Amino acid sequence: MTVKRVWHGWTTPENADTYEKLLREEVSVGIEAMQISGLRRFEMMRRPLADEVEFVTIMEFDDIDAIKAFVGDDYEKCYVPPAARAVLKRFDELSAHYELLEARTY
């Protein structure tokens, strides 16, 4: 089984580049340093909106147990380090989890 962990955060246009740099250079690097067994992929996305910028992360895990190794038994709770919280305007308090049914590559 593969599980996708999806999370959204929003920041101001003025803080968007700062948050992107933090996400690339600290948050993702910190997660990689945890060497979580069962973590397979970490995707980061960004899109501008009218008055804010939305970021989405999708993490791919082997199963729920691998997610619990990352954040604990309350595996839906978000993982947002203090430095990230400082520049985000708002964010999902809970991450959504989806079982991957099929993936096609063209």
N, C-alpha and C. Protein backbone atom coordinates (compact mmCIF):
# COMPACT_ATOMS: atom_id res chain seq x y z
N MET A 1 0.85 -1.18 0.00
CA MET A 1 0.00 0.00 0.00
C MET A 1 0.89 1.24 0.00
N THR A 2 0.44 2.28 -0.65
CA THR A 2 1.11 3.59 -0.61
C THR A 2 0.11 4.61 -0.08
N VAL A 3 0.57 5.49 0.82
CA VAL A 3 -0.28 6.52 1.39
C VAL A 3 0.33 7.88 1.07
N LYS A 4 -0.52 8.78 0.57
CA LYS A 4 -0.11 10.16 0.28
C LYS A 4 -0.62 11.04 1.42
N ARG A 5 0.29 11.84 1.97
CA ARG A 5 -0.03 12.77 3.06
C ARG A 5 -0.04 14.18 2.45
N VAL A 6 -1.19 14.84 2.47
CA VAL A 6 -1.37 16.13 1.80
C VAL A 6 -1.62 17.22 2.83
N TRP A 7 -0.90 18.32 2.67
CA TRP A 7 -1.00 19.45 3.61
C TRP A 7 -0.94 20.76 2.82
N HIS A 8 -1.68 21.78 3.31
CA HIS A 8 -1.72 23.10 2.68
C HIS A 8 -1.31 24.18 3.68
N GLY A 9 -0.57 25.15 3.19
CA GLY A 9 -0.23 26.33 3.98
C GLY A 9 -0.31 27.56 3.09
N TRP A 10 -0.65 28.70 3.69
CA TRP A 10 -0.78 29.94 2.93
C TRP A 10 0.03 31.04 3.59
N THR A 11 0.62 31.88 2.77
CA THR A 11 1.39 32.99 3.28
C THR A 11 1.09 34.23 2.43
N THR A 12 1.62 35.34 2.84
CA THR A 12 1.44 36.57 2.07
C THR A 12 2.39 36.55 0.87
N PRO A 13 2.08 37.30 -0.17
CA PRO A 13 3.01 37.38 -1.29
C PRO A 13 4.41 37.84 -0.86
N GLU A 14 4.47 38.72 0.14
CA GLU A 14 5.75 39.22 0.63
C GLU A 14 6.58 38.14 1.32
N ASN A 15 5.93 37.16 1.93
CA ASN A 15 6.64 36.10 2.65
C ASN A 15 6.80 34.82 1.84
N ALA A 16 6.26 34.79 0.63
CA ALA A 16 6.24 33.55 -0.15
C ALA A 16 7.64 33.04 -0.48
N ASP A 17 8.52 33.91 -0.93
CA ASP A 17 9.88 33.45 -1.26
C ASP A 17 10.63 32.99 -0.02
N THR A 18 10.41 33.68 1.08
CA THR A 18 11.03 33.29 2.35
C THR A 18 10.56 31.90 2.77
N TYR A 19 9.24 31.68 2.67
CA TYR A 19 8.72 30.37 3.05
C TYR A 19 9.22 29.29 2.10
N GLU A 20 9.24 29.57 0.81
CA GLU A 20 9.73 28.57 -0.15
C GLU A 20 11.17 28.18 0.16
N LYS A 21 12.00 29.15 0.43
CA LYS A 21 13.39 28.86 0.77
C LYS A 21 13.47 28.01 2.05
N LEU A 22 12.69 28.36 3.04
CA LEU A 22 12.65 27.61 4.29
C LEU A 22 12.19 26.17 4.04
N LEU A 23 11.17 26.02 3.22
CA LEU A 23 10.64 24.70 2.90
C LEU A 23 11.69 23.84 2.19
N ARG A 24 12.39 24.44 1.24
CA ARG A 24 13.40 23.71 0.47
C ARG A 24 14.66 23.40 1.28
N GLU A 25 15.13 24.40 2.04
CA GLU A 25 16.44 24.30 2.66
C GLU A 25 16.44 23.85 4.12
N GLU A 26 15.32 23.97 4.80
CA GLU A 26 15.29 23.57 6.21
C GLU A 26 14.26 22.49 6.50
N VAL A 27 13.00 22.73 6.12
CA VAL A 27 11.95 21.78 6.47
C VAL A 27 12.20 20.43 5.78
N SER A 28 12.35 20.44 4.46
CA SER A 28 12.53 19.17 3.76
C SER A 28 13.85 18.49 4.14
N VAL A 29 14.89 19.29 4.32
CA VAL A 29 16.20 18.74 4.72
C VAL A 29 16.10 18.13 6.12
N GLY A 30 15.38 18.80 7.01
CA GLY A 30 15.18 18.27 8.36
C GLY A 30 14.42 16.96 8.36
N ILE A 31 13.41 16.87 7.50
CA ILE A 31 12.64 15.63 7.39
C ILE A 31 13.53 14.52 6.83
N GLU A 32 14.30 14.84 5.81
CA GLU A 32 15.22 13.84 5.24
C GLU A 32 16.22 13.35 6.29
N ALA A 33 16.68 14.24 7.14
CA ALA A 33 17.65 13.88 8.17
C ALA A 33 17.06 12.91 9.20
N MET A 34 15.74 12.88 9.32
CA MET A 34 15.09 11.94 10.24
C MET A 34 15.23 10.50 9.77
N GLN A 35 15.54 10.32 8.50
CA GLN A 35 15.69 8.98 7.91
C GLN A 35 14.52 8.07 8.27
N ILE A 36 13.34 8.51 7.93
CA ILE A 36 12.11 7.79 8.26
C ILE A 36 11.97 6.59 7.32
N SER A 37 11.95 5.42 7.91
CA SER A 37 11.75 4.21 7.12
C SER A 37 10.33 4.25 6.56
N GLY A 38 10.21 4.10 5.26
CA GLY A 38 8.89 4.11 4.64
C GLY A 38 8.52 5.43 3.99
N LEU A 39 9.32 6.47 4.17
CA LEU A 39 9.10 7.73 3.46
C LEU A 39 9.74 7.59 2.09
N ARG A 40 8.96 7.75 1.04
CA ARG A 40 9.45 7.51 -0.32
C ARG A 40 9.62 8.77 -1.15
N ARG A 41 8.83 9.80 -0.90
CA ARG A 41 8.85 10.97 -1.77
C ARG A 41 8.29 12.18 -1.02
N PHE A 42 8.81 13.36 -1.36
CA PHE A 42 8.34 14.61 -0.77
C PHE A 42 8.20 15.62 -1.90
N GLU A 43 6.97 16.02 -2.19
CA GLU A 43 6.70 16.99 -3.24
C GLU A 43 6.30 18.32 -2.62
N MET A 44 6.74 19.41 -3.24
CA MET A 44 6.41 20.76 -2.80
C MET A 44 5.83 21.52 -3.98
N MET A 45 4.69 22.16 -3.78
CA MET A 45 4.04 22.93 -4.84
C MET A 45 3.68 24.32 -4.33
N ARG A 46 3.56 25.25 -5.28
CA ARG A 46 3.26 26.63 -4.95
C ARG A 46 2.34 27.21 -6.02
N ARG A 47 1.37 28.04 -5.59
CA ARG A 47 0.57 28.77 -6.56
C ARG A 47 0.13 30.10 -5.98
N PRO A 48 0.19 31.14 -6.81
CA PRO A 48 -0.26 32.45 -6.36
C PRO A 48 -1.78 32.53 -6.42
N LEU A 49 -2.36 33.18 -5.43
CA LEU A 49 -3.78 33.45 -5.40
C LEU A 49 -3.97 34.97 -5.36
N ALA A 50 -5.18 35.44 -5.21
CA ALA A 50 -5.45 36.88 -5.27
C ALA A 50 -4.61 37.68 -4.27
N ASP A 51 -4.65 37.30 -3.00
CA ASP A 51 -3.95 38.08 -1.98
C ASP A 51 -3.05 37.24 -1.08
N GLU A 52 -2.77 36.02 -1.51
CA GLU A 52 -1.88 35.14 -0.75
C GLU A 52 -1.27 34.12 -1.69
N VAL A 53 -0.34 33.35 -1.16
CA VAL A 53 0.31 32.29 -1.93
C VAL A 53 0.09 30.98 -1.19
N GLU A 54 -0.39 29.99 -1.92
CA GLU A 54 -0.67 28.68 -1.34
C GLU A 54 0.50 27.73 -1.62
N PHE A 55 0.86 26.97 -0.60
CA PHE A 55 1.85 25.91 -0.73
C PHE A 55 1.18 24.60 -0.38
N VAL A 56 1.53 23.56 -1.11
CA VAL A 56 1.01 22.22 -0.85
C VAL A 56 2.20 21.28 -0.77
N THR A 57 2.20 20.43 0.22
CA THR A 57 3.20 19.36 0.28
C THR A 57 2.47 18.03 0.20
N ILE A 58 3.09 17.12 -0.53
CA ILE A 58 2.58 15.75 -0.62
C ILE A 58 3.75 14.84 -0.29
N MET A 59 3.58 14.10 0.77
CA MET A 59 4.59 13.14 1.18
C MET A 59 4.05 11.74 0.90
N GLU A 60 4.89 10.89 0.36
CA GLU A 60 4.48 9.53 0.03
C GLU A 60 5.15 8.55 0.99
N PHE A 61 4.32 7.76 1.65
CA PHE A 61 4.78 6.78 2.63
C PHE A 61 4.32 5.38 2.23
N ASP A 62 5.02 4.39 2.74
CA ASP A 62 4.63 3.00 2.50
C ASP A 62 3.29 2.67 3.14
N ASP A 63 3.06 3.22 4.35
CA ASP A 63 1.84 2.90 5.08
C ASP A 63 1.67 3.88 6.25
N ILE A 64 0.58 3.72 6.97
CA ILE A 64 0.28 4.60 8.12
C ILE A 64 1.34 4.46 9.21
N ASP A 65 1.86 3.28 9.40
CA ASP A 65 2.91 3.09 10.42
C ASP A 65 4.13 3.96 10.13
N ALA A 66 4.48 4.12 8.87
CA ALA A 66 5.60 4.99 8.52
C ALA A 66 5.29 6.45 8.85
N ILE A 67 4.04 6.84 8.65
CA ILE A 67 3.63 8.21 9.01
C ILE A 67 3.69 8.39 10.52
N LYS A 68 3.27 7.39 11.26
CA LYS A 68 3.35 7.45 12.72
C LYS A 68 4.80 7.56 13.19
N ALA A 69 5.72 6.95 12.47
CA ALA A 69 7.14 7.08 12.82
C ALA A 69 7.61 8.52 12.62
N PHE A 70 6.95 9.24 11.74
CA PHE A 70 7.28 10.63 11.46
C PHE A 70 6.67 11.58 12.49
N VAL A 71 5.38 11.46 12.76
CA VAL A 71 4.70 12.44 13.64
C VAL A 71 4.08 11.86 14.89
N GLY A 72 4.10 10.56 15.08
CA GLY A 72 3.52 9.95 16.27
C GLY A 72 2.16 9.33 16.01
N ASP A 73 1.57 8.80 17.06
CA ASP A 73 0.29 8.08 16.93
C ASP A 73 -0.84 8.97 16.41
N ASP A 74 -0.81 10.25 16.76
CA ASP A 74 -1.81 11.20 16.24
C ASP A 74 -1.33 11.64 14.86
N TYR A 75 -1.35 10.70 13.92
CA TYR A 75 -0.67 10.88 12.63
C TYR A 75 -1.30 11.92 11.72
N GLU A 76 -2.51 12.38 12.01
CA GLU A 76 -3.12 13.41 11.17
C GLU A 76 -2.61 14.81 11.51
N LYS A 77 -2.04 14.98 12.71
CA LYS A 77 -1.58 16.32 13.08
C LYS A 77 -0.49 16.79 12.12
N CYS A 78 -0.50 18.09 11.87
CA CYS A 78 0.47 18.65 10.92
C CYS A 78 1.86 18.73 11.55
N TYR A 79 2.83 18.83 10.67
CA TYR A 79 4.22 19.03 11.08
C TYR A 79 4.64 20.37 10.50
N VAL A 80 4.66 21.40 11.35
CA VAL A 80 5.05 22.75 10.92
C VAL A 80 6.02 23.30 11.96
N PRO A 81 7.32 23.30 11.66
CA PRO A 81 8.31 23.80 12.61
C PRO A 81 8.08 25.29 12.93
N PRO A 82 8.56 25.75 14.07
CA PRO A 82 8.36 27.15 14.49
C PRO A 82 8.79 28.18 13.44
N ALA A 83 9.89 27.96 12.76
CA ALA A 83 10.34 28.93 11.76
C ALA A 83 9.33 29.05 10.62
N ALA A 84 8.70 27.94 10.26
CA ALA A 84 7.68 27.97 9.21
C ALA A 84 6.41 28.65 9.72
N ARG A 85 6.03 28.37 10.94
CA ARG A 85 4.84 29.01 11.52
C ARG A 85 4.99 30.53 11.54
N ALA A 86 6.22 30.99 11.69
CA ALA A 86 6.47 32.43 11.79
C ALA A 86 6.18 33.17 10.49
N VAL A 87 6.27 32.50 9.34
CA VAL A 87 6.04 33.19 8.07
C VAL A 87 4.75 32.76 7.37
N LEU A 88 4.09 31.73 7.88
CA LEU A 88 2.82 31.33 7.30
C LEU A 88 1.69 32.18 7.85
N LYS A 89 0.75 32.51 7.01
CA LYS A 89 -0.44 33.28 7.39
C LYS A 89 -1.45 32.35 8.07
N ARG A 90 -1.60 31.16 7.50
CA ARG A 90 -2.48 30.12 8.04
C ARG A 90 -2.06 28.79 7.43
N PHE A 91 -2.53 27.69 8.03
CA PHE A 91 -2.18 26.37 7.51
C PHE A 91 -3.14 25.32 8.05
N ASP A 92 -3.19 24.19 7.36
CA ASP A 92 -4.00 23.06 7.82
C ASP A 92 -3.43 22.54 9.13
N GLU A 93 -4.28 22.42 10.13
CA GLU A 93 -3.85 21.83 11.40
C GLU A 93 -3.73 20.31 11.29
N LEU A 94 -4.47 19.74 10.35
CA LEU A 94 -4.43 18.30 10.12
C LEU A 94 -4.04 18.04 8.67
N SER A 95 -3.29 16.99 8.46
CA SER A 95 -2.95 16.55 7.11
C SER A 95 -3.98 15.52 6.68
N ALA A 96 -4.28 15.49 5.39
CA ALA A 96 -5.20 14.50 4.84
C ALA A 96 -4.37 13.33 4.30
N HIS A 97 -4.91 12.14 4.42
CA HIS A 97 -4.19 10.94 3.99
C HIS A 97 -5.05 10.17 2.99
N TYR A 98 -4.41 9.77 1.90
CA TYR A 98 -5.10 9.07 0.82
C TYR A 98 -4.33 7.81 0.45
N GLU A 99 -5.05 6.72 0.30
CA GLU A 99 -4.44 5.49 -0.18
C GLU A 99 -4.33 5.61 -1.70
N LEU A 100 -3.15 5.40 -2.22
CA LEU A 100 -2.94 5.46 -3.66
C LEU A 100 -3.53 4.20 -4.29
N LEU A 101 -4.49 4.39 -5.17
CA LEU A 101 -5.14 3.25 -5.82
C LEU A 101 -4.40 2.83 -7.08
N GLU A 102 -3.91 3.83 -7.82
CA GLU A 102 -3.23 3.54 -9.08
C GLU A 102 -2.48 4.78 -9.52
N ALA A 103 -1.36 4.58 -10.18
CA ALA A 103 -0.60 5.68 -10.76
C ALA A 103 -0.19 5.26 -12.16
N ARG A 104 -0.47 6.13 -13.10
CA ARG A 104 -0.10 5.85 -14.49
C ARG A 104 0.90 6.89 -14.96
N THR A 105 1.88 6.45 -15.66
CA THR A 105 2.87 7.36 -16.23
C THR A 105 2.75 7.28 -17.75
N TYR A 106 2.70 8.46 -18.36
CA TYR A 106 2.55 8.52 -19.83
C TYR A 106 3.73 9.20 -20.45
